[in-house]
Amino acid sequence: MKKPSRLMDFLYGLVGMVRVYESADEVREVIADNCFNTLADRAKTHWDGVNTLTDSLAFQPGLLDLHDELHDTWHYLTALKARARDLGYGTLTEHLGSAADSTRDVLQAVATAAENTVLSPAIPASK
């Protein structure tokens, strides 16, 4: 696959055009490049950030932001699924449905984690 030019992508973007790929192999390559070319930097950023957390309440801001991002992602996937269904793309609809369901599950787990940053009061010992 010929590597896309960032300049051409920028120029296309100015006129409302975006690059699309003609094969699943090209799509996989773009996904891999997007993930792995920045993997070390992303991991370092997150590890550096979490190393500053000192108590459970310090987890809240990040978890609440993450929940908000996941909620937006869930809505986007749900809308994409509906549109794919309307256009008759059955397999694509199924995959988008699975992605939306998985995102919903992660969304719920992150919400539970955020709630658990608040320490429960000690339960008094029974007499």
Protein backbone atom coordinates (compact mmCIF):
# COMPACT_ATOMS: atom_id res chain seq x y z
CA MET A 1 0.00 0.00 0.00
CA LYS A 2 1.28 3.42 -0.91
CA LYS A 3 1.53 5.53 2.26
CA PRO A 4 -0.94 8.42 2.22
CA SER A 5 0.50 11.90 2.25
CA ARG A 6 -0.44 13.93 5.31
CA LEU A 7 -0.38 17.05 3.13
CA MET A 8 -2.85 15.52 0.68
CA ASP A 9 -5.06 14.37 3.55
CA PHE A 10 -5.00 17.93 4.91
CA LEU A 11 -5.85 19.42 1.51
CA TYR A 12 -8.65 16.90 0.98
CA GLY A 13 -9.99 17.80 4.41
CA LEU A 14 -10.15 21.46 3.47
CA VAL A 15 -12.60 20.68 0.69
CA GLY A 16 -14.60 18.17 2.71
CA MET A 17 -13.06 15.02 1.26
CA VAL A 18 -11.59 12.10 3.19
CA ARG A 19 -9.42 9.18 2.16
CA VAL A 20 -11.09 5.78 1.91
CA TYR A 21 -9.40 2.43 1.39
CA GLU A 22 -10.38 -0.16 -1.18
CA SER A 23 -9.30 -3.34 0.62
CA ALA A 24 -9.57 -4.88 4.08
CA ASP A 25 -5.77 -5.29 4.05
CA GLU A 26 -5.35 -1.54 3.64
CA VAL A 27 -7.81 -0.86 6.46
CA ARG A 28 -5.95 -3.31 8.72
CA GLU A 29 -2.64 -1.65 7.88
CA VAL A 30 -3.98 1.82 8.70
CA ILE A 31 -5.43 0.56 11.99
CA ALA A 32 -2.14 -1.12 12.89
CA ASP A 33 -0.13 1.97 11.97
CA ASN A 34 -2.43 4.23 13.99
CA CYS A 35 -2.15 1.92 17.01
CA PHE A 36 1.45 0.85 16.99
CA ASN A 37 3.21 3.98 15.74
CA THR A 38 2.13 5.83 18.88
CA LEU A 39 1.93 2.88 21.28
CA ALA A 40 5.02 3.74 23.34
CA ASP A 41 4.07 7.41 23.67
CA ARG A 42 0.48 6.62 24.61
CA ALA A 43 1.53 4.02 27.17
CA LYS A 44 4.09 6.38 28.72
CA THR A 45 1.55 9.19 28.92
CA HIS A 46 -0.98 7.01 30.74
CA TRP A 47 1.55 5.37 33.06
CA ASP A 48 3.05 8.75 33.97
CA GLY A 49 -0.44 10.05 34.68
CA VAL A 50 -1.53 7.18 36.90
CA ASN A 51 1.71 7.26 38.85
CA THR A 52 0.58 10.62 40.27
CA LEU A 53 -2.58 9.14 41.83
CA THR A 54 -2.31 9.02 45.60
CA ASP A 55 -5.74 7.91 46.82
CA SER A 56 -8.97 6.46 45.46
CA LEU A 57 -10.62 9.87 44.99
CA ALA A 58 -7.81 10.85 42.62
CA PHE A 59 -9.11 8.23 40.17
CA GLN A 60 -12.46 10.03 39.80
CA PRO A 61 -11.65 12.79 37.29
CA GLY A 62 -10.07 10.41 34.80
CA LEU A 63 -12.78 7.79 35.21
CA LEU A 64 -15.53 10.38 34.78
CA ASP A 65 -13.84 11.75 31.64
CA LEU A 66 -13.40 8.22 30.32
CA HIS A 67 -17.06 7.47 31.02
CA ASP A 68 -18.10 10.57 29.07
CA GLU A 69 -15.90 9.56 26.10
CA LEU A 70 -17.23 6.01 26.16
CA HIS A 71 -20.81 7.30 26.33
CA ASP A 72 -20.17 9.40 23.23
CA THR A 73 -18.57 6.39 21.53
CA TRP A 74 -21.60 4.22 22.39
CA HIS A 75 -23.98 6.79 20.84
CA TYR A 76 -21.82 7.01 17.72
CA LEU A 77 -21.67 3.23 17.31
CA THR A 78 -25.43 2.97 17.85
CA ALA A 79 -26.05 5.61 15.17
CA LEU A 80 -23.63 3.88 12.77
CA LYS A 81 -25.38 0.56 13.39
CA ALA A 82 -28.79 2.07 12.64
CA ARG A 83 -27.53 3.65 9.43
CA ALA A 84 -25.81 0.43 8.30
CA ARG A 85 -29.08 -1.43 8.96
CA ASP A 86 -31.05 1.17 6.99
CA LEU A 87 -28.67 0.74 4.05
CA GLY A 88 -28.96 -3.04 4.18
CA TYR A 89 -25.41 -3.88 5.33
CA GLY A 90 -26.25 -6.89 7.50
CA THR A 91 -22.76 -8.03 8.46
CA LEU A 92 -21.60 -4.47 9.13
CA THR A 93 -24.73 -3.92 11.25
CA GLU A 94 -23.91 -7.01 13.32
CA HIS A 95 -20.30 -5.93 13.92
CA LEU A 96 -21.33 -2.42 14.87
CA GLY A 97 -23.95 -3.90 17.20
CA SER A 98 -21.29 -6.04 18.86
CA ALA A 99 -19.01 -3.02 19.20
CA ALA A 100 -21.85 -0.97 20.72
CA ASP A 101 -22.71 -3.78 23.15
CA SER A 102 -19.07 -4.18 24.20
CA THR A 103 -18.74 -0.43 24.65
CA ARG A 104 -21.90 -0.41 26.79
CA ASP A 105 -20.39 -3.15 28.98
CA VAL A 106 -17.15 -1.18 29.39
CA LEU A 107 -19.20 1.96 30.06
CA GLN A 108 -21.00 0.20 32.91
CA ALA A 109 -17.74 -1.19 34.33
CA VAL A 110 -16.13 2.26 34.28
CA ALA A 111 -19.19 3.75 36.02
CA THR A 112 -18.94 1.09 38.72
CA ALA A 113 -15.21 1.75 39.10
CA ALA A 114 -15.88 5.50 39.44
CA GLU A 115 -18.52 4.84 42.11
CA ASN A 116 -16.03 2.67 43.99
CA THR A 117 -13.54 5.51 44.28
CA VAL A 118 -15.68 6.73 47.16
CA LEU A 119 -14.71 4.63 50.12
CA SER A 120 -17.60 3.08 51.99
CA PRO A 121 -17.94 3.97 55.66
CA ALA A 122 -16.75 1.29 57.99
CA ILE A 123 -19.45 -1.15 58.98
CA PRO A 124 -19.84 -1.13 62.75
CA ALA A 125 -19.12 -4.41 64.45
CA SER A 126 -22.22 -6.26 65.62
CA LYS A 127 -22.84 -6.65 69.33
